[in-house]
Amino acid sequence: MASLTPDHRSDEVTGQAMKEGLVNGAVVLAPCLAGLYAAMQNPKFRKFTNWQSRTALVIMPALFAFGFTSENKLIHRMEEVASETEHNMKTVAWAEKQKTMSKEDVQLHELYRKAILDSGVRLVDTPELTTFQKAANYVQSNPFKLIAGIGIPSVAYIFYGQGKSGAGKESLQMQMLHTRVFGQFTVICTLLGVMGMKEMMDRQGRYVTEGEVEARVAEME
């Protein structure tokens, strides 16, 4: 029996997982560096920490984000590859059965194409996807990455803005309290918007072009 995770796609999957981990690690590293820079302005922080602990405060969250997201991406892509391969195998078997059972000359190409179009995708009329369609596909495939990419910088900006608006009069406790309130509102709104978009895309199907459909058909043949 053919493997659902063929070896020739291993480089593709590991490359995507590595890229996902590096991007998310960089996203986490930037606010960590900004936070360390802000903390270094406090004499007490400089007194009670050394360069090893400061380095760990910056590096460890980024390494965690890299490992966590790359591992999740790897698992997710392997499941997708297995699902695509299984679907292709079932479609080939179904098409062969249809051909042998039918008295007419049934074209396998059309059968493969129909099976792909019935698998939960939306075929577009243009040769390439528009910016909106690419963004919609991206939201469907990477909802948590998008939430983190919007939420983390937003919360950091809110915290920075609270410090500037208070003109140095607000205590750190009050800044944290205000940041928590406004940050939760921002993250919840982002979560609702992104997950709502993902739910819509899951129901209606991701956008594909004619070229992508034909590539899938060629792979199945």
N, C-alpha and C. Protein backbone atom coordinates (compact mmCIF):
# COMPACT_ATOMS: atom_id res chain seq x y z
N MET A 1 0.85 -1.21 0.00
CA MET A 1 0.00 0.00 0.00
C MET A 1 0.87 1.24 0.00
N ALA A 2 0.53 2.20 -0.81
CA ALA A 2 1.32 3.44 -0.90
C ALA A 2 1.23 4.23 0.40
N SER A 3 2.34 4.89 0.73
CA SER A 3 2.38 5.68 1.96
C SER A 3 1.54 6.95 1.80
N LEU A 4 0.87 7.34 2.90
CA LEU A 4 0.08 8.57 2.88
C LEU A 4 0.98 9.80 3.05
N THR A 5 2.22 9.58 3.47
CA THR A 5 3.18 10.69 3.61
C THR A 5 4.43 10.34 2.81
N PRO A 6 4.39 10.50 1.49
CA PRO A 6 5.51 10.08 0.62
C PRO A 6 6.78 10.85 0.93
N ASP A 7 7.92 10.15 0.73
CA ASP A 7 9.23 10.73 1.05
C ASP A 7 9.55 11.95 0.20
N HIS A 8 9.05 11.99 -1.04
CA HIS A 8 9.43 13.09 -1.93
C HIS A 8 8.83 14.43 -1.48
N ARG A 9 7.91 14.41 -0.51
CA ARG A 9 7.33 15.65 -0.01
C ARG A 9 7.88 16.03 1.37
N SER A 10 8.85 15.26 1.87
CA SER A 10 9.38 15.53 3.21
C SER A 10 10.13 16.86 3.25
N ASP A 11 10.92 17.15 2.19
CA ASP A 11 11.66 18.42 2.17
C ASP A 11 10.71 19.61 2.13
N GLU A 12 9.61 19.47 1.39
CA GLU A 12 8.62 20.54 1.32
C GLU A 12 8.00 20.81 2.69
N VAL A 13 7.64 19.75 3.39
CA VAL A 13 6.98 19.89 4.69
C VAL A 13 7.94 20.45 5.74
N THR A 14 9.16 19.91 5.80
CA THR A 14 10.12 20.40 6.79
C THR A 14 10.52 21.84 6.51
N GLY A 15 10.62 22.19 5.22
CA GLY A 15 10.96 23.57 4.87
C GLY A 15 9.87 24.54 5.31
N GLN A 16 8.63 24.18 5.12
CA GLN A 16 7.52 25.03 5.55
C GLN A 16 7.46 25.14 7.07
N ALA A 17 7.74 24.03 7.76
CA ALA A 17 7.75 24.06 9.23
C ALA A 17 8.87 24.95 9.74
N MET A 18 10.05 24.85 9.12
CA MET A 18 11.18 25.69 9.53
C MET A 18 10.88 27.17 9.29
N LYS A 19 10.31 27.48 8.15
CA LYS A 19 9.96 28.88 7.85
C LYS A 19 8.94 29.41 8.84
N GLU A 20 7.94 28.59 9.16
CA GLU A 20 6.91 29.00 10.12
C GLU A 20 7.53 29.29 11.48
N GLY A 21 8.44 28.41 11.92
CA GLY A 21 9.09 28.61 13.21
C GLY A 21 9.95 29.85 13.25
N LEU A 22 10.70 30.10 12.18
CA LEU A 22 11.57 31.28 12.13
C LEU A 22 10.77 32.57 12.14
N VAL A 23 9.68 32.59 11.38
CA VAL A 23 8.84 33.80 11.33
C VAL A 23 8.25 34.09 12.70
N ASN A 24 7.68 33.08 13.34
CA ASN A 24 7.08 33.28 14.65
C ASN A 24 8.12 33.60 15.72
N GLY A 25 9.30 32.98 15.60
CA GLY A 25 10.37 33.32 16.54
C GLY A 25 10.79 34.77 16.40
N ALA A 26 10.87 35.26 15.15
CA ALA A 26 11.22 36.67 14.93
C ALA A 26 10.14 37.60 15.45
N VAL A 27 8.85 37.19 15.27
CA VAL A 27 7.74 38.01 15.76
C VAL A 27 7.80 38.16 17.27
N VAL A 28 8.16 37.08 17.98
CA VAL A 28 8.25 37.13 19.44
C VAL A 28 9.53 37.84 19.89
N LEU A 29 10.60 37.67 19.11
CA LEU A 29 11.87 38.27 19.50
C LEU A 29 11.82 39.80 19.52
N ALA A 30 11.11 40.38 18.56
CA ALA A 30 11.06 41.85 18.47
C ALA A 30 10.49 42.50 19.72
N PRO A 31 9.30 42.10 20.23
CA PRO A 31 8.81 42.72 21.46
C PRO A 31 9.65 42.39 22.68
N CYS A 32 10.31 41.22 22.68
CA CYS A 32 11.19 40.88 23.79
C CYS A 32 12.38 41.83 23.85
N LEU A 33 12.94 42.13 22.69
CA LEU A 33 14.04 43.09 22.64
C LEU A 33 13.58 44.48 23.08
N ALA A 34 12.37 44.87 22.63
CA ALA A 34 11.84 46.17 23.04
C ALA A 34 11.59 46.21 24.53
N GLY A 35 11.08 45.10 25.08
CA GLY A 35 10.84 45.04 26.52
C GLY A 35 12.12 45.09 27.32
N LEU A 36 13.16 44.41 26.83
CA LEU A 36 14.45 44.46 27.52
C LEU A 36 15.04 45.87 27.48
N TYR A 37 14.91 46.52 26.33
CA TYR A 37 15.42 47.88 26.21
C TYR A 37 14.70 48.81 27.20
N ALA A 38 13.38 48.64 27.32
CA ALA A 38 12.63 49.47 28.26
C ALA A 38 13.02 49.15 29.70
N ALA A 39 13.22 47.85 29.99
CA ALA A 39 13.59 47.46 31.36
C ALA A 39 14.98 47.95 31.72
N MET A 40 15.86 48.06 30.74
CA MET A 40 17.23 48.51 31.02
C MET A 40 17.27 49.97 31.46
N GLN A 41 16.19 50.69 31.24
CA GLN A 41 16.15 52.08 31.71
C GLN A 41 15.92 52.17 33.21
N ASN A 42 15.55 51.03 33.82
CA ASN A 42 15.31 50.98 35.25
C ASN A 42 16.58 50.56 35.97
N PRO A 43 17.11 51.38 36.86
CA PRO A 43 18.35 51.03 37.57
C PRO A 43 18.23 49.75 38.39
N LYS A 44 17.06 49.50 38.99
CA LYS A 44 16.88 48.30 39.79
C LYS A 44 16.99 47.04 38.93
N PHE A 45 16.44 47.12 37.72
CA PHE A 45 16.54 45.97 36.83
C PHE A 45 17.99 45.70 36.47
N ARG A 46 18.75 46.73 36.19
CA ARG A 46 20.18 46.55 35.86
C ARG A 46 20.95 46.01 37.05
N LYS A 47 20.52 46.37 38.24
CA LYS A 47 21.24 45.95 39.45
C LYS A 47 21.02 44.47 39.74
N PHE A 48 19.77 44.00 39.57
CA PHE A 48 19.44 42.65 39.98
C PHE A 48 19.53 41.62 38.85
N THR A 49 19.97 42.02 37.69
CA THR A 49 20.14 41.07 36.58
C THR A 49 21.54 41.19 36.01
N ASN A 50 21.99 40.12 35.37
CA ASN A 50 23.26 40.14 34.66
C ASN A 50 23.02 39.86 33.18
N TRP A 51 24.09 39.82 32.40
CA TRP A 51 23.89 39.67 30.96
C TRP A 51 23.33 38.31 30.58
N GLN A 52 23.64 37.24 31.40
CA GLN A 52 23.08 35.93 31.10
C GLN A 52 21.56 35.92 31.26
N SER A 53 21.07 36.49 32.37
CA SER A 53 19.62 36.49 32.60
C SER A 53 18.91 37.39 31.59
N ARG A 54 19.53 38.50 31.22
CA ARG A 54 18.91 39.38 30.23
C ARG A 54 18.83 38.69 28.87
N THR A 55 19.91 37.98 28.53
CA THR A 55 19.89 37.24 27.26
C THR A 55 18.80 36.17 27.26
N ALA A 56 18.66 35.47 28.40
CA ALA A 56 17.63 34.43 28.49
C ALA A 56 16.23 35.03 28.37
N LEU A 57 16.02 36.21 28.94
CA LEU A 57 14.71 36.85 28.86
C LEU A 57 14.31 37.14 27.41
N VAL A 58 15.30 37.38 26.57
CA VAL A 58 15.02 37.69 25.16
C VAL A 58 14.96 36.42 24.31
N ILE A 59 15.92 35.50 24.54
CA ILE A 59 16.07 34.35 23.66
C ILE A 59 15.04 33.25 23.94
N MET A 60 14.77 32.97 25.22
CA MET A 60 13.93 31.82 25.55
C MET A 60 12.50 31.92 24.99
N PRO A 61 11.82 33.08 25.11
CA PRO A 61 10.49 33.14 24.49
C PRO A 61 10.52 32.92 22.98
N ALA A 62 11.54 33.46 22.31
CA ALA A 62 11.64 33.28 20.86
C ALA A 62 11.91 31.82 20.51
N LEU A 63 12.78 31.15 21.30
CA LEU A 63 13.06 29.74 21.05
C LEU A 63 11.82 28.89 21.29
N PHE A 64 11.07 29.24 22.33
CA PHE A 64 9.83 28.51 22.59
C PHE A 64 8.84 28.68 21.44
N ALA A 65 8.69 29.92 20.96
CA ALA A 65 7.78 30.18 19.84
C ALA A 65 8.23 29.42 18.59
N PHE A 66 9.55 29.40 18.36
CA PHE A 66 10.09 28.68 17.20
C PHE A 66 9.76 27.19 17.29
N GLY A 67 10.08 26.57 18.44
CA GLY A 67 9.84 25.14 18.60
C GLY A 67 8.37 24.78 18.56
N PHE A 68 7.55 25.57 19.25
CA PHE A 68 6.12 25.26 19.35
C PHE A 68 5.43 25.39 17.99
N THR A 69 5.68 26.51 17.30
CA THR A 69 4.98 26.75 16.03
C THR A 69 5.50 25.85 14.91
N SER A 70 6.81 25.61 14.88
CA SER A 70 7.35 24.74 13.83
C SER A 70 6.86 23.31 14.00
N GLU A 71 6.79 22.84 15.26
CA GLU A 71 6.29 21.49 15.50
C GLU A 71 4.82 21.37 15.11
N ASN A 72 4.02 22.38 15.48
CA ASN A 72 2.61 22.36 15.12
C ASN A 72 2.42 22.42 13.61
N LYS A 73 3.24 23.24 12.94
CA LYS A 73 3.15 23.34 11.49
C LYS A 73 3.53 22.02 10.83
N LEU A 74 4.55 21.37 11.37
CA LEU A 74 4.98 20.09 10.82
C LEU A 74 3.87 19.05 10.94
N ILE A 75 3.26 18.97 12.12
CA ILE A 75 2.17 18.02 12.31
C ILE A 75 0.99 18.34 11.39
N HIS A 76 0.66 19.65 11.33
CA HIS A 76 -0.47 20.08 10.50
C HIS A 76 -0.23 19.77 9.03
N ARG A 77 0.98 20.04 8.53
CA ARG A 77 1.27 19.79 7.11
C ARG A 77 1.31 18.30 6.81
N MET A 78 1.85 17.49 7.74
CA MET A 78 1.88 16.05 7.52
C MET A 78 0.45 15.50 7.45
N GLU A 79 -0.44 16.03 8.29
CA GLU A 79 -1.83 15.61 8.23
C GLU A 79 -2.47 16.04 6.92
N GLU A 80 -2.14 17.26 6.45
CA GLU A 80 -2.67 17.73 5.17
C GLU A 80 -2.18 16.86 4.01
N VAL A 81 -0.87 16.55 4.03
CA VAL A 81 -0.30 15.71 2.97
C VAL A 81 -0.96 14.33 2.97
N ALA A 82 -1.14 13.76 4.18
CA ALA A 82 -1.78 12.46 4.28
C ALA A 82 -3.23 12.52 3.76
N SER A 83 -3.92 13.62 4.11
CA SER A 83 -5.30 13.78 3.65
C SER A 83 -5.37 13.92 2.13
N GLU A 84 -4.46 14.73 1.56
CA GLU A 84 -4.44 14.91 0.11
C GLU A 84 -4.12 13.60 -0.60
N THR A 85 -3.13 12.87 -0.07
CA THR A 85 -2.74 11.61 -0.70
C THR A 85 -3.86 10.59 -0.62
N GLU A 86 -4.49 10.51 0.56
CA GLU A 86 -5.60 9.57 0.72
C GLU A 86 -6.76 9.92 -0.22
N HIS A 87 -7.03 11.24 -0.34
CA HIS A 87 -8.10 11.67 -1.24
C HIS A 87 -7.77 11.31 -2.69
N ASN A 88 -6.51 11.52 -3.09
CA ASN A 88 -6.09 11.18 -4.44
C ASN A 88 -6.24 9.68 -4.71
N MET A 89 -5.82 8.86 -3.72
CA MET A 89 -5.90 7.41 -3.90
C MET A 89 -7.35 6.94 -4.01
N LYS A 90 -8.21 7.50 -3.15
CA LYS A 90 -9.63 7.13 -3.21
C LYS A 90 -10.27 7.59 -4.51
N THR A 91 -9.85 8.78 -4.98
CA THR A 91 -10.42 9.30 -6.22
C THR A 91 -10.01 8.44 -7.41
N VAL A 92 -8.73 8.02 -7.42
CA VAL A 92 -8.25 7.15 -8.51
C VAL A 92 -9.03 5.84 -8.51
N ALA A 93 -9.21 5.26 -7.32
CA ALA A 93 -9.95 4.00 -7.23
C ALA A 93 -11.40 4.19 -7.68
N TRP A 94 -12.00 5.31 -7.26
CA TRP A 94 -13.38 5.58 -7.65
C TRP A 94 -13.51 5.80 -9.16
N ALA A 95 -12.55 6.53 -9.73
CA ALA A 95 -12.59 6.79 -11.17
C ALA A 95 -12.40 5.51 -11.98
N GLU A 96 -11.49 4.66 -11.51
CA GLU A 96 -11.27 3.39 -12.20
C GLU A 96 -12.52 2.52 -12.15
N LYS A 97 -13.17 2.55 -11.00
CA LYS A 97 -14.40 1.77 -10.86
C LYS A 97 -15.49 2.30 -11.78
N GLN A 98 -15.60 3.65 -11.84
CA GLN A 98 -16.60 4.25 -12.71
C GLN A 98 -16.34 3.92 -14.18
N LYS A 99 -15.08 3.89 -14.54
CA LYS A 99 -14.73 3.61 -15.94
C LYS A 99 -15.07 2.18 -16.32
N THR A 100 -14.79 1.26 -15.42
CA THR A 100 -15.07 -0.14 -15.74
C THR A 100 -16.57 -0.45 -15.73
N MET A 101 -17.30 0.26 -14.88
CA MET A 101 -18.73 0.00 -14.78
C MET A 101 -19.51 0.67 -15.91
N SER A 102 -19.02 1.77 -16.43
CA SER A 102 -19.75 2.51 -17.45
C SER A 102 -19.50 1.90 -18.82
N LYS A 103 -20.55 1.92 -19.65
CA LYS A 103 -20.40 1.44 -21.02
C LYS A 103 -19.85 2.52 -21.93
N GLU A 104 -19.94 3.74 -21.49
CA GLU A 104 -19.42 4.84 -22.31
C GLU A 104 -17.94 5.05 -22.02
N ASP A 105 -17.30 5.81 -22.88
CA ASP A 105 -15.88 6.10 -22.74
C ASP A 105 -15.71 7.28 -21.78
N VAL A 106 -15.62 6.97 -20.50
CA VAL A 106 -15.52 8.01 -19.47
C VAL A 106 -14.07 8.48 -19.39
N GLN A 107 -13.90 9.78 -19.41
CA GLN A 107 -12.57 10.35 -19.35
C GLN A 107 -12.13 10.49 -17.90
N LEU A 108 -11.00 9.88 -17.59
CA LEU A 108 -10.49 9.93 -16.22
C LEU A 108 -10.17 11.37 -15.80
N HIS A 109 -9.70 12.13 -16.75
CA HIS A 109 -9.33 13.51 -16.42
C HIS A 109 -10.52 14.28 -15.85
N GLU A 110 -11.66 14.14 -16.49
CA GLU A 110 -12.85 14.85 -16.02
C GLU A 110 -13.34 14.31 -14.69
N LEU A 111 -13.18 13.02 -14.48
CA LEU A 111 -13.57 12.43 -13.21
C LEU A 111 -12.68 12.93 -12.08
N TYR A 112 -11.38 13.01 -12.33
CA TYR A 112 -10.46 13.54 -11.33
C TYR A 112 -10.80 15.00 -11.02
N ARG A 113 -11.04 15.74 -12.07
CA ARG A 113 -11.35 17.16 -11.89
C ARG A 113 -12.62 17.36 -11.07
N LYS A 114 -13.64 16.58 -11.37
CA LYS A 114 -14.89 16.69 -10.62
C LYS A 114 -14.69 16.34 -9.15
N ALA A 115 -13.89 15.31 -8.90
CA ALA A 115 -13.64 14.90 -7.52
C ALA A 115 -12.93 16.01 -6.74
N ILE A 116 -11.99 16.70 -7.39
CA ILE A 116 -11.27 17.78 -6.72
C ILE A 116 -12.20 18.95 -6.44
N LEU A 117 -13.03 19.30 -7.42
CA LEU A 117 -13.94 20.43 -7.24
C LEU A 117 -15.01 20.13 -6.19
N ASP A 118 -15.27 18.85 -5.94
CA ASP A 118 -16.26 18.47 -4.93
C ASP A 118 -15.63 18.28 -3.55
N SER A 119 -14.34 18.56 -3.42
CA SER A 119 -13.64 18.32 -2.15
C SER A 119 -13.59 19.54 -1.25
N GLY A 120 -14.42 20.55 -1.53
CA GLY A 120 -14.47 21.71 -0.65
C GLY A 120 -13.57 22.85 -1.07
N VAL A 121 -13.53 23.16 -2.37
CA VAL A 121 -12.74 24.28 -2.88
C VAL A 121 -13.64 25.15 -3.75
N ARG A 122 -13.21 26.37 -3.97
CA ARG A 122 -13.94 27.30 -4.84
C ARG A 122 -13.05 27.69 -6.02
N LEU A 123 -13.47 27.36 -7.21
CA LEU A 123 -12.69 27.67 -8.40
C LEU A 123 -12.97 29.11 -8.82
N VAL A 124 -11.89 29.89 -9.03
CA VAL A 124 -12.04 31.28 -9.44
C VAL A 124 -11.92 31.38 -10.96
N ASP A 125 -12.46 32.45 -11.50
CA ASP A 125 -12.47 32.64 -12.96
C ASP A 125 -11.16 33.19 -13.50
N THR A 126 -10.39 33.85 -12.63
CA THR A 126 -9.14 34.49 -13.08
C THR A 126 -7.98 33.51 -13.02
N PRO A 127 -6.94 33.74 -13.82
CA PRO A 127 -5.79 32.82 -13.81
C PRO A 127 -4.99 32.88 -12.51
N GLU A 128 -5.10 33.98 -11.77
CA GLU A 128 -4.39 34.11 -10.50
C GLU A 128 -5.36 34.60 -9.43
N LEU A 129 -5.05 34.28 -8.19
CA LEU A 129 -5.89 34.72 -7.09
C LEU A 129 -5.68 36.20 -6.82
N THR A 130 -6.76 36.89 -6.46
CA THR A 130 -6.64 38.29 -6.08
C THR A 130 -6.04 38.40 -4.69
N THR A 131 -5.69 39.63 -4.30
CA THR A 131 -5.11 39.84 -2.97
C THR A 131 -6.07 39.41 -1.88
N PHE A 132 -7.35 39.72 -2.03
CA PHE A 132 -8.34 39.31 -1.03
C PHE A 132 -8.43 37.80 -0.92
N GLN A 133 -8.42 37.10 -2.06
CA GLN A 133 -8.53 35.65 -2.05
C GLN A 133 -7.30 35.00 -1.41
N LYS A 134 -6.11 35.55 -1.70
CA LYS A 134 -4.90 35.04 -1.05
C LYS A 134 -4.94 35.27 0.45
N ALA A 135 -5.43 36.47 0.84
CA ALA A 135 -5.53 36.78 2.27
C ALA A 135 -6.54 35.86 2.95
N ALA A 136 -7.66 35.58 2.28
CA ALA A 136 -8.67 34.69 2.86
C ALA A 136 -8.12 33.28 3.04
N ASN A 137 -7.37 32.79 2.05
CA ASN A 137 -6.74 31.47 2.18
C ASN A 137 -5.73 31.45 3.31
N TYR A 138 -4.99 32.58 3.46
CA TYR A 138 -3.99 32.65 4.52
C TYR A 138 -4.65 32.63 5.90
N VAL A 139 -5.76 33.35 6.03
CA VAL A 139 -6.48 33.37 7.31
C VAL A 139 -6.97 31.96 7.65
N GLN A 140 -7.47 31.23 6.65
CA GLN A 140 -7.97 29.89 6.89
C GLN A 140 -6.84 28.95 7.33
N SER A 141 -5.66 29.10 6.75
CA SER A 141 -4.55 28.20 7.04
C SER A 141 -3.77 28.60 8.29
N ASN A 142 -3.74 29.90 8.63
CA ASN A 142 -2.90 30.37 9.74
C ASN A 142 -3.66 31.30 10.68
N PRO A 143 -4.76 30.85 11.27
CA PRO A 143 -5.53 31.77 12.12
C PRO A 143 -4.78 32.21 13.37
N PHE A 144 -4.11 31.27 14.05
CA PHE A 144 -3.43 31.61 15.31
C PHE A 144 -2.19 32.46 15.07
N LYS A 145 -1.53 32.20 13.96
CA LYS A 145 -0.38 33.03 13.61
C LYS A 145 -0.82 34.47 13.38
N LEU A 146 -1.96 34.65 12.72
CA LEU A 146 -2.47 35.99 12.45
C LEU A 146 -2.91 36.68 13.74
N ILE A 147 -3.58 35.93 14.63
CA ILE A 147 -4.01 36.50 15.91
C ILE A 147 -2.81 36.96 16.72
N ALA A 148 -1.76 36.12 16.76
CA ALA A 148 -0.56 36.50 17.51
C ALA A 148 0.15 37.68 16.85
N GLY A 149 0.18 37.69 15.51
CA GLY A 149 0.85 38.78 14.80
C GLY A 149 0.18 40.12 14.99
N ILE A 150 -1.15 40.11 15.20
CA ILE A 150 -1.87 41.36 15.45
C ILE A 150 -1.91 41.68 16.94
N GLY A 151 -2.16 40.65 17.75
CA GLY A 151 -2.37 40.88 19.18
C GLY A 151 -1.14 41.32 19.93
N ILE A 152 0.00 40.66 19.69
CA ILE A 152 1.21 40.98 20.46
C ILE A 152 1.70 42.41 20.20
N PRO A 153 1.85 42.83 18.93
CA PRO A 153 2.26 44.24 18.72
C PRO A 153 1.22 45.23 19.24
N SER A 154 -0.07 44.89 19.16
CA SER A 154 -1.11 45.80 19.64
C SER A 154 -1.00 46.01 21.15
N VAL A 155 -0.82 44.91 21.88
CA VAL A 155 -0.68 45.02 23.33
C VAL A 155 0.58 45.79 23.70
N ALA A 156 1.67 45.53 22.98
CA ALA A 156 2.92 46.26 23.24
C ALA A 156 2.74 47.76 22.98
N TYR A 157 2.04 48.09 21.90
CA TYR A 157 1.81 49.50 21.58
C TYR A 157 0.91 50.16 22.62
N ILE A 158 -0.11 49.42 23.11
CA ILE A 158 -0.98 49.96 24.15
C ILE A 158 -0.19 50.25 25.42
N PHE A 159 0.68 49.32 25.80
CA PHE A 159 1.50 49.52 27.00
C PHE A 159 2.42 50.73 26.82
N TYR A 160 3.01 50.83 25.64
CA TYR A 160 3.89 51.97 25.36
C TYR A 160 3.10 53.28 25.39
N GLY A 161 1.90 53.25 24.80
CA GLY A 161 1.08 54.46 24.77
C GLY A 161 0.61 54.87 26.15
N GLN A 162 0.34 53.90 27.04
CA GLN A 162 -0.07 54.23 28.40
C GLN A 162 1.06 54.94 29.15
N GLY A 163 2.29 54.48 28.91
CA GLY A 163 3.43 55.13 29.56
C GLY A 163 3.65 56.54 29.08
N LYS A 164 3.43 56.77 27.77
CA LYS A 164 3.64 58.11 27.22
C LYS A 164 2.51 59.07 27.61
N SER A 165 1.26 58.56 27.61
CA SER A 165 0.13 59.45 27.89
C SER A 165 0.10 59.89 29.34
N GLY A 166 0.63 59.03 30.21
CA GLY A 166 0.63 59.40 31.62
C GLY A 166 1.70 60.39 32.00
N ALA A 167 2.57 60.71 31.09
CA ALA A 167 3.66 61.68 31.31
C ALA A 167 4.48 61.31 32.53
N GLY A 168 4.63 59.99 32.75
CA GLY A 168 5.46 59.54 33.86
C GLY A 168 4.77 59.56 35.20
N LYS A 169 3.51 59.95 35.28
CA LYS A 169 2.81 60.06 36.56
C LYS A 169 2.13 58.75 36.94
N GLU A 170 1.74 57.96 35.97
CA GLU A 170 1.08 56.70 36.27
C GLU A 170 2.10 55.68 36.75
N SER A 171 1.71 54.91 37.77
CA SER A 171 2.58 53.86 38.26
C SER A 171 2.58 52.69 37.28
N LEU A 172 3.56 51.82 37.43
CA LEU A 172 3.65 50.65 36.56
C LEU A 172 2.41 49.77 36.73
N GLN A 173 1.89 49.70 37.95
CA GLN A 173 0.69 48.90 38.21
C GLN A 173 -0.50 49.40 37.40
N MET A 174 -0.70 50.72 37.37
CA MET A 174 -1.81 51.29 36.62
C MET A 174 -1.61 51.09 35.12
N GLN A 175 -0.38 51.22 34.66
CA GLN A 175 -0.11 50.98 33.24
C GLN A 175 -0.44 49.54 32.86
N MET A 176 -0.06 48.60 33.73
CA MET A 176 -0.35 47.19 33.47
C MET A 176 -1.85 46.93 33.48
N LEU A 177 -2.56 47.58 34.41
CA LEU A 177 -4.01 47.40 34.50
C LEU A 177 -4.71 47.91 33.24
N HIS A 178 -4.35 49.13 32.81
CA HIS A 178 -4.95 49.69 31.61
C HIS A 178 -4.59 48.87 30.37
N THR A 179 -3.36 48.43 30.32
CA THR A 179 -2.92 47.61 29.18
C THR A 179 -3.71 46.31 29.12
N ARG A 180 -3.95 45.72 30.28
CA ARG A 180 -4.70 44.46 30.32
C ARG A 180 -6.12 44.66 29.80
N VAL A 181 -6.78 45.74 30.23
CA VAL A 181 -8.16 45.98 29.82
C VAL A 181 -8.25 46.23 28.32
N PHE A 182 -7.46 47.20 27.83
CA PHE A 182 -7.51 47.53 26.40
C PHE A 182 -6.94 46.39 25.55
N GLY A 183 -5.92 45.71 26.08
CA GLY A 183 -5.32 44.59 25.34
C GLY A 183 -6.28 43.44 25.17
N GLN A 184 -7.03 43.11 26.25
CA GLN A 184 -8.02 42.04 26.14
C GLN A 184 -9.09 42.38 25.11
N PHE A 185 -9.54 43.61 25.11
CA PHE A 185 -10.55 44.03 24.14
C PHE A 185 -10.02 43.88 22.72
N THR A 186 -8.78 44.31 22.49
CA THR A 186 -8.19 44.22 21.15
C THR A 186 -8.03 42.77 20.71
N VAL A 187 -7.51 41.94 21.61
CA VAL A 187 -7.27 40.53 21.26
C VAL A 187 -8.59 39.80 21.02
N ILE A 188 -9.61 40.07 21.84
CA ILE A 188 -10.90 39.41 21.67
C ILE A 188 -11.54 39.82 20.33
N CYS A 189 -11.47 41.11 19.99
CA CYS A 189 -12.00 41.55 18.70
C CYS A 189 -11.26 40.90 17.54
N THR A 190 -9.93 40.80 17.67
CA THR A 190 -9.13 40.14 16.63
C THR A 190 -9.50 38.67 16.53
N LEU A 191 -9.65 38.02 17.68
CA LEU A 191 -10.00 36.60 17.71
C LEU A 191 -11.34 36.35 17.03
N LEU A 192 -12.34 37.17 17.36
CA LEU A 192 -13.67 36.99 16.77
C LEU A 192 -13.63 37.21 15.26
N GLY A 193 -12.91 38.25 14.83
CA GLY A 193 -12.83 38.54 13.39
C GLY A 193 -12.13 37.44 12.62
N VAL A 194 -10.96 37.00 13.12
CA VAL A 194 -10.19 35.99 12.40
C VAL A 194 -10.91 34.64 12.39
N MET A 195 -11.42 34.22 13.55
CA MET A 195 -12.08 32.92 13.60
C MET A 195 -13.40 32.92 12.83
N GLY A 196 -14.08 34.08 12.79
CA GLY A 196 -15.28 34.18 11.97
C GLY A 196 -14.95 34.01 10.49
N MET A 197 -13.86 34.63 10.05
CA MET A 197 -13.42 34.50 8.67
C MET A 197 -13.02 33.05 8.36
N LYS A 198 -12.34 32.42 9.31
CA LYS A 198 -11.92 31.03 9.11
C LYS A 198 -13.13 30.11 9.01
N GLU A 199 -14.12 30.34 9.86
CA GLU A 199 -15.34 29.51 9.82
C GLU A 199 -16.05 29.65 8.46
N MET A 200 -16.11 30.88 7.95
CA MET A 200 -16.73 31.10 6.65
C MET A 200 -15.97 30.38 5.55
N MET A 201 -14.63 30.45 5.59
CA MET A 201 -13.82 29.79 4.58
C MET A 201 -13.92 28.28 4.68
N ASP A 202 -14.01 27.74 5.92
CA ASP A 202 -14.15 26.30 6.09
C ASP A 202 -15.47 25.80 5.48
N ARG A 203 -16.50 26.60 5.59
CA ARG A 203 -17.80 26.20 5.05
C ARG A 203 -17.87 26.34 3.53
N GLN A 204 -17.31 27.42 3.00
CA GLN A 204 -17.43 27.69 1.57
C GLN A 204 -16.27 27.11 0.75
N GLY A 205 -15.14 26.83 1.40
CA GLY A 205 -14.00 26.26 0.69
C GLY A 205 -12.95 27.30 0.35
N ARG A 206 -11.69 26.87 0.27
CA ARG A 206 -10.61 27.78 -0.06
C ARG A 206 -10.60 28.06 -1.57
N TYR A 207 -10.05 29.21 -1.93
CA TYR A 207 -9.99 29.60 -3.34
C TYR A 207 -8.85 28.87 -4.05
N VAL A 208 -9.14 28.38 -5.25
CA VAL A 208 -8.12 27.74 -6.07
C VAL A 208 -8.26 28.24 -7.50
N THR A 209 -7.16 28.23 -8.22
CA THR A 209 -7.18 28.61 -9.63
C THR A 209 -7.28 27.38 -10.51
N GLU A 210 -7.54 27.61 -11.79
CA GLU A 210 -7.60 26.52 -12.75
C GLU A 210 -6.27 25.78 -12.81
N GLY A 211 -5.17 26.55 -12.71
CA GLY A 211 -3.86 25.92 -12.75
C GLY A 211 -3.62 24.99 -11.58
N GLU A 212 -4.09 25.36 -10.39
CA GLU A 212 -3.92 24.50 -9.22
C GLU A 212 -4.74 23.23 -9.36
N VAL A 213 -5.94 23.36 -9.90
CA VAL A 213 -6.78 22.17 -10.11
C VAL A 213 -6.11 21.23 -11.10
N GLU A 214 -5.62 21.78 -12.20
CA GLU A 214 -4.97 20.95 -13.21
C GLU A 214 -3.70 20.29 -12.66
N ALA A 215 -2.99 21.01 -11.78
CA ALA A 215 -1.79 20.41 -11.17
C ALA A 215 -2.15 19.23 -10.29
N ARG A 216 -3.25 19.36 -9.53
CA ARG A 216 -3.72 18.26 -8.71
C ARG A 216 -4.15 17.06 -9.58
N VAL A 217 -4.82 17.37 -10.68
CA VAL A 217 -5.26 16.30 -11.59
C VAL A 217 -4.05 15.58 -12.19
N ALA A 218 -3.04 16.37 -12.59
CA ALA A 218 -1.83 15.77 -13.18
C ALA A 218 -1.11 14.89 -12.16
N GLU A 219 -1.11 15.33 -10.90
CA GLU A 219 -0.46 14.54 -9.85
C GLU A 219 -1.21 13.21 -9.63
N MET A 220 -2.53 13.27 -9.73
CA MET A 220 -3.33 12.05 -9.54
C MET A 220 -3.18 11.08 -10.73
N GLU A 221 -2.98 11.64 -11.93
CA GLU A 221 -2.82 10.80 -13.10
C GLU A 221 -1.45 10.15 -13.15
